[in-house]
């Protein structure tokens, strides 16, 4: 079925509420707000707006079939056993689930980037821990670490209670872990660390691969940025991952950057003010650790990460 992607009334210059009387000529110059948006836009801006509107429609339409496919894969996994050939099929379905999760995550990222840019999406902090955020990020991604023989070290105040938007910062952690695993050398190391530093919370995730070139330290967080190969055989995908991270962190009044630390060539560092991450505590000693009766975790403290 063909779908008209032009908002109702736009083609005729009318709003959905109908036409408005034309403003007197004497008032039109002194009240620019009465000039229709279409008249104020340049042709280039109008084209950009139309492309964004079309992208939104496409992304919304993608979400339903992807979600349905994800559901059917989950049902198939429940019907299968874990022995013999059925176990192998289950592994394949696990891979399909991971790919669908990544695709659905991309859909959410595209939608959220637009809302974060427009100031329509705000952080809604709730109590959590860095351990919980890493557990969430690793769900479905551990096989990537296993296949490439990577060691994951998680260090620092991972059980301290922090106040963050679990969805936004959870996806930041997932993006940064995925990025670090992708560019780590085979058999290499990925390190995730959290600490209270000065007046805020610092999350650091990186690997022992090559550093980011000095010319890319700022540009890498652009809306669409293609990073040159950091290895002869690797090239970053052109996408919104790091740009989303920048917007999500900014929604917490924080900032993100990339640096080198000891053996770790590329470490992405997120810094969030203490009054946001720990609004009920004024000193580090007042930050309460979560209960030890939390759900089982896949995260265990490993070798200490290099100091900042």
Protein backbone atom coordinates (compact mmCIF):
# COMPACT_ATOMS: atom_id res chain seq x y z
CA UNK A 1 0.00 0.00 0.00
CA UNK A 2 1.36 3.39 -0.95
CA UNK A 3 1.82 5.80 1.92
CA UNK A 4 1.76 9.55 1.55
CA UNK A 5 4.68 10.80 3.64
CA UNK A 6 3.63 14.45 3.39
CA UNK A 7 2.05 15.74 6.63
CA UNK A 8 -1.63 16.51 6.18
CA UNK A 9 -2.16 20.04 4.89
CA UNK A 10 1.52 20.66 4.17
CA UNK A 11 1.20 20.46 0.40
CA UNK A 12 -1.42 23.21 0.39
CA UNK A 13 0.37 25.32 2.98
CA UNK A 14 -2.41 24.82 5.55
CA UNK A 15 -2.14 23.36 9.02
CA UNK A 16 -4.33 20.45 10.02
CA UNK A 17 -6.53 22.94 11.84
CA UNK A 18 -7.31 24.85 8.66
CA UNK A 19 -6.22 28.13 7.12
CA UNK A 20 -5.47 31.21 9.18
CA UNK A 21 -6.36 34.71 8.03
CA UNK A 22 -3.47 36.50 6.38
CA UNK A 23 -1.73 39.03 8.60
CA UNK A 24 -1.92 42.69 7.56
CA UNK A 25 1.03 43.84 5.49
CA UNK A 26 2.00 46.41 8.11
CA UNK A 27 2.28 43.71 10.78
CA UNK A 28 4.05 41.02 8.77
CA UNK A 29 7.42 42.74 8.91
CA UNK A 30 7.29 43.37 12.66
CA UNK A 31 6.03 39.90 13.65
CA UNK A 32 8.34 37.38 11.90
CA UNK A 33 6.92 34.54 13.98
CA UNK A 34 3.74 34.73 11.87
CA UNK A 35 5.68 33.83 8.73
CA UNK A 36 5.06 30.15 7.91
CA UNK A 37 8.02 27.88 8.59
CA UNK A 38 8.12 26.83 4.94
CA UNK A 39 8.64 30.48 3.95
CA UNK A 40 11.52 30.88 6.42
CA UNK A 41 13.35 27.70 5.41
CA UNK A 42 15.98 27.60 2.74
CA UNK A 43 15.53 24.95 0.03
CA UNK A 44 18.49 23.04 1.48
CA UNK A 45 16.98 23.02 4.99
CA UNK A 46 13.60 21.97 3.63
CA UNK A 47 15.27 19.03 1.85
CA UNK A 48 17.08 18.03 5.06
CA UNK A 49 13.81 18.16 7.01
CA UNK A 50 12.06 16.04 4.40
CA UNK A 51 14.85 13.44 4.44
CA UNK A 52 14.71 13.28 8.23
CA UNK A 53 10.93 12.85 8.18
CA UNK A 54 11.28 10.04 5.64
CA UNK A 55 13.98 8.37 7.76
CA UNK A 56 11.68 8.52 10.78
CA UNK A 57 8.88 6.81 8.83
CA UNK A 58 11.20 4.08 7.57
CA UNK A 59 12.69 3.46 11.01
CA UNK A 60 9.27 3.26 12.64
CA UNK A 61 8.15 0.78 9.98
CA UNK A 62 11.27 -1.35 10.54
CA UNK A 63 10.67 -1.75 14.25
CA UNK A 64 7.50 -3.89 14.03
CA UNK A 65 8.80 -6.67 11.72
CA UNK A 66 12.14 -6.79 13.53
CA UNK A 67 10.42 -7.12 16.88
CA UNK A 68 8.19 -9.88 15.49
CA UNK A 69 11.19 -11.75 14.06
CA UNK A 70 12.95 -11.47 17.42
CA UNK A 71 9.90 -12.94 19.15
CA UNK A 72 9.71 -15.92 16.78
CA UNK A 73 13.42 -16.66 17.28
CA UNK A 74 12.90 -16.65 21.04
CA UNK A 75 9.98 -19.07 20.67
CA UNK A 76 12.09 -21.37 18.47
CA UNK A 77 14.87 -21.39 21.08
CA UNK A 78 12.38 -22.37 23.78
CA UNK A 79 11.13 -25.28 21.67
CA UNK A 80 14.66 -26.65 21.12
CA UNK A 81 16.65 -28.70 23.56
CA UNK A 82 20.32 -28.08 24.36
CA UNK A 83 21.81 -31.42 23.29
CA UNK A 84 23.21 -32.73 20.03
CA UNK A 85 22.23 -31.02 16.82
CA UNK A 86 19.49 -29.08 18.58
CA UNK A 87 22.20 -27.45 20.69
CA UNK A 88 24.02 -26.37 17.55
CA UNK A 89 20.83 -24.93 16.07
CA UNK A 90 20.34 -23.05 19.32
CA UNK A 91 23.78 -21.48 18.89
CA UNK A 92 22.77 -20.30 15.43
CA UNK A 93 19.58 -18.83 16.86
CA UNK A 94 21.64 -17.09 19.55
CA UNK A 95 23.64 -15.44 16.77
CA UNK A 96 20.46 -14.38 14.98
CA UNK A 97 19.12 -12.94 18.25
CA UNK A 98 22.30 -10.93 18.73
CA UNK A 99 22.03 -9.50 15.21
CA UNK A 100 18.36 -8.63 15.71
CA UNK A 101 19.18 -6.99 19.04
CA UNK A 102 21.84 -4.86 17.34
CA UNK A 103 19.44 -3.88 14.56
CA UNK A 104 16.69 -2.97 17.02
CA UNK A 105 19.27 -1.01 18.98
CA UNK A 106 20.16 0.91 15.83
CA UNK A 107 16.47 1.69 15.26
CA UNK A 108 16.22 3.05 18.82
CA UNK A 109 19.43 5.03 18.37
CA UNK A 110 18.19 6.73 15.19
CA UNK A 111 14.93 7.72 16.87
CA UNK A 112 16.59 8.84 20.10
CA UNK A 113 19.26 10.89 18.31
CA UNK A 114 16.55 12.99 16.67
CA UNK A 115 14.74 13.53 19.99
CA UNK A 116 17.96 14.28 21.90
CA UNK A 117 18.96 16.83 19.25
CA UNK A 118 15.55 18.50 19.45
CA UNK A 119 15.57 18.52 23.26
CA UNK A 120 12.52 16.23 23.40
CA UNK A 121 14.24 13.33 25.17
CA UNK A 122 15.56 13.90 28.68
CA UNK A 123 17.53 11.69 31.05
CA UNK A 124 15.40 9.96 33.68
CA UNK A 125 17.91 8.76 36.30
CA UNK A 126 17.19 5.78 38.52
CA UNK A 127 19.41 3.92 40.99
CA UNK A 128 21.73 1.35 39.40
CA UNK A 129 25.35 0.15 39.46
CA UNK A 130 28.14 -0.06 36.90
CA UNK A 131 28.06 -3.86 37.31
CA UNK A 132 24.39 -3.90 36.27
CA UNK A 133 25.10 -1.67 33.26
CA UNK A 134 27.96 -3.92 32.11
CA UNK A 135 25.86 -7.06 32.65
CA UNK A 136 23.13 -5.56 30.50
CA UNK A 137 25.61 -4.53 27.81
CA UNK A 138 27.24 -7.96 27.68
CA UNK A 139 23.96 -9.86 27.30
CA UNK A 140 24.21 -11.53 23.90
CA UNK A 141 27.69 -10.13 23.22
CA UNK A 142 29.95 -12.43 25.20
CA UNK A 143 30.47 -14.68 22.19
CA UNK A 144 32.16 -11.78 20.41
CA UNK A 145 34.72 -11.71 23.21
CA UNK A 146 35.08 -15.50 23.20
CA UNK A 147 35.52 -15.80 19.44
CA UNK A 148 38.28 -13.21 19.39
CA UNK A 149 39.95 -14.51 22.54
CA UNK A 150 39.52 -11.22 24.37
CA UNK A 151 39.98 -10.72 28.09
CA UNK A 152 37.52 -8.38 29.82
CA UNK A 153 38.67 -6.61 33.01
CA UNK A 154 36.12 -4.71 35.09
CA UNK A 155 37.59 -2.56 37.82
CA UNK A 156 36.71 0.14 40.33
CA UNK A 157 33.58 1.03 42.28
CA UNK A 158 31.38 -1.28 40.24
CA UNK A 159 28.86 -1.85 43.07
CA UNK A 160 28.42 1.76 44.15
CA UNK A 161 24.90 3.06 43.67
CA UNK A 162 24.70 5.67 40.92
CA UNK A 163 21.78 7.62 39.50
CA UNK A 164 21.71 7.38 35.71
CA UNK A 165 19.20 6.83 32.94
CA UNK A 166 19.60 3.05 32.65
CA UNK A 167 18.44 2.94 29.04
CA UNK A 168 20.57 5.83 27.74
CA UNK A 169 23.76 5.12 29.68
CA UNK A 170 23.21 1.37 29.30
CA UNK A 171 23.40 1.83 25.55
CA UNK A 172 26.43 4.09 25.93
CA UNK A 173 28.22 1.30 27.82
CA UNK A 174 27.09 -1.23 25.21
CA UNK A 175 28.33 0.95 22.33
CA UNK A 176 31.69 1.53 23.97
CA UNK A 177 32.21 -2.15 24.87
CA UNK A 178 31.25 -3.19 21.34
CA UNK A 179 33.61 -0.60 19.85
CA UNK A 180 36.46 -1.67 22.14
CA UNK A 181 35.94 -5.36 21.32
CA UNK A 182 35.81 -4.65 17.59
CA UNK A 183 39.14 -2.82 17.53
CA UNK A 184 41.04 -4.83 20.13
CA UNK A 185 43.71 -7.13 18.68
CA UNK A 186 42.86 -10.84 18.71
CA UNK A 187 43.75 -12.23 22.10
CA UNK A 188 43.82 -8.69 23.42
CA UNK A 189 42.28 -6.96 26.39
CA UNK A 190 39.22 -4.79 26.98
CA UNK A 191 39.04 -2.82 30.21
CA UNK A 192 36.01 -1.19 31.86
CA UNK A 193 36.50 0.96 34.93
CA UNK A 194 34.38 3.23 37.12
CA UNK A 195 35.62 5.65 39.75
CA UNK A 196 34.66 8.78 41.66
CA UNK A 197 37.11 11.41 40.48
CA UNK A 198 37.04 14.97 41.78
CA UNK A 199 33.53 16.35 41.41
CA UNK A 200 32.04 13.49 39.45
CA UNK A 201 31.70 9.93 38.23
CA UNK A 202 34.09 8.62 35.59
CA UNK A 203 33.36 5.63 33.36
CA UNK A 204 36.30 4.47 31.23
CA UNK A 205 36.13 1.72 28.59
CA UNK A 206 38.97 0.89 26.23
CA UNK A 207 41.32 -1.71 24.74
CA UNK A 208 44.98 -2.37 24.14
CA UNK A 209 44.68 -1.63 20.44
CA UNK A 210 46.18 1.39 18.65
CA UNK A 211 45.28 4.92 19.79
CA UNK A 212 42.90 7.23 17.94
CA UNK A 213 44.78 9.70 15.75
CA UNK A 214 45.06 13.20 17.23
CA UNK A 215 43.11 14.70 14.32
CA UNK A 216 40.15 12.40 15.11
CA UNK A 217 39.86 13.00 18.87
CA UNK A 218 36.97 15.46 18.44
CA UNK A 219 35.65 14.55 15.01
CA UNK A 220 35.06 10.94 16.00
CA UNK A 221 31.95 12.06 17.93
CA UNK A 222 30.37 13.76 14.90
CA UNK A 223 26.87 12.90 13.68
CA UNK A 224 28.14 10.92 10.71
CA UNK A 225 31.83 10.19 10.83
CA UNK A 226 33.81 7.53 9.03
CA UNK A 227 36.95 6.63 10.89
CA UNK A 228 39.93 5.66 8.76
CA UNK A 229 41.26 2.15 9.24
CA UNK A 230 43.09 1.79 12.53
CA UNK A 231 44.31 -1.55 11.27
CA UNK A 232 44.93 -2.50 7.66
CA UNK A 233 42.05 -4.98 7.76
CA UNK A 234 39.52 -2.97 9.74
CA UNK A 235 37.25 -0.06 9.04
CA UNK A 236 34.68 1.50 11.32
CA UNK A 237 31.07 1.49 10.25
CA UNK A 238 29.61 4.83 9.26
CA UNK A 239 26.99 5.38 11.88
CA UNK A 240 25.58 7.15 14.88
CA UNK A 241 27.00 5.11 17.77
CA UNK A 242 29.53 7.57 19.20
CA UNK A 243 27.35 10.56 18.32
CA UNK A 244 24.52 8.97 20.29
CA UNK A 245 26.94 8.44 23.20
CA UNK A 246 27.85 12.13 23.13
CA UNK A 247 24.17 13.21 23.19
CA UNK A 248 23.21 10.69 25.91
CA UNK A 249 26.09 11.81 28.12
CA UNK A 250 25.24 15.48 27.49
CA UNK A 251 21.69 14.72 28.66
CA UNK A 252 23.35 13.91 32.03
CA UNK A 253 25.27 17.24 31.93
CA UNK A 254 28.42 15.23 31.25
CA UNK A 255 31.04 14.94 28.54
CA UNK A 256 32.86 12.18 26.68
CA UNK A 257 36.32 11.97 25.19
CA UNK A 258 38.98 9.49 24.14
CA UNK A 259 42.56 9.16 25.39
CA UNK A 260 45.37 6.66 25.96
CA UNK A 261 46.18 5.11 29.35
CA UNK A 262 49.22 2.93 29.84
CA UNK A 263 48.97 -0.14 27.62
CA UNK A 264 45.46 0.85 26.52
CA UNK A 265 45.70 2.80 23.30
CA UNK A 266 42.09 3.94 23.01
CA UNK A 267 40.05 4.59 26.16
CA UNK A 268 36.65 6.29 25.93
CA UNK A 269 36.04 8.30 29.08
CA UNK A 270 32.61 9.47 30.25
CA UNK A 271 32.49 12.07 33.03
CA UNK A 272 29.21 12.90 34.77
CA UNK A 273 28.88 15.51 37.55
CA UNK A 274 28.48 14.18 41.08
CA UNK A 275 25.24 16.12 41.67
CA UNK A 276 23.72 14.13 38.78
CA UNK A 277 25.23 10.69 39.42
CA UNK A 278 24.93 10.84 43.22
CA UNK A 279 22.33 13.52 44.02
CA UNK A 280 21.83 12.32 47.61
CA UNK A 281 25.54 12.18 48.50
CA UNK A 282 27.98 15.04 48.92
CA UNK A 283 31.16 13.02 49.46
CA UNK A 284 32.57 9.80 48.03
CA UNK A 285 32.21 8.09 51.41
CA UNK A 286 28.45 8.72 51.28
CA UNK A 287 27.97 6.81 48.02
CA UNK A 288 26.23 3.63 49.09
CA UNK A 289 27.12 0.24 47.59
CA UNK A 290 24.22 -1.84 46.37
CA UNK A 291 23.06 -4.85 48.35
CA UNK A 292 25.16 -7.97 47.95
CA UNK A 293 21.91 -9.88 47.37
CA UNK A 294 21.65 -8.55 43.81
CA UNK A 295 20.95 -10.89 40.89
CA UNK A 296 23.82 -13.13 39.69
CA UNK A 297 26.30 -11.20 37.58
CA UNK A 298 28.52 -12.18 34.66
CA UNK A 299 30.94 -9.44 35.70
CA UNK A 300 33.84 -10.27 37.99
CA UNK A 301 36.65 -7.94 38.91
CA UNK A 302 39.70 -8.82 36.88
CA UNK A 303 43.20 -7.45 36.52
CA UNK A 304 43.30 -3.79 37.54
CA UNK A 305 42.93 -1.32 34.68
CA UNK A 306 45.73 1.17 34.05
CA UNK A 307 45.43 4.38 36.12
CA UNK A 308 44.23 7.57 34.54
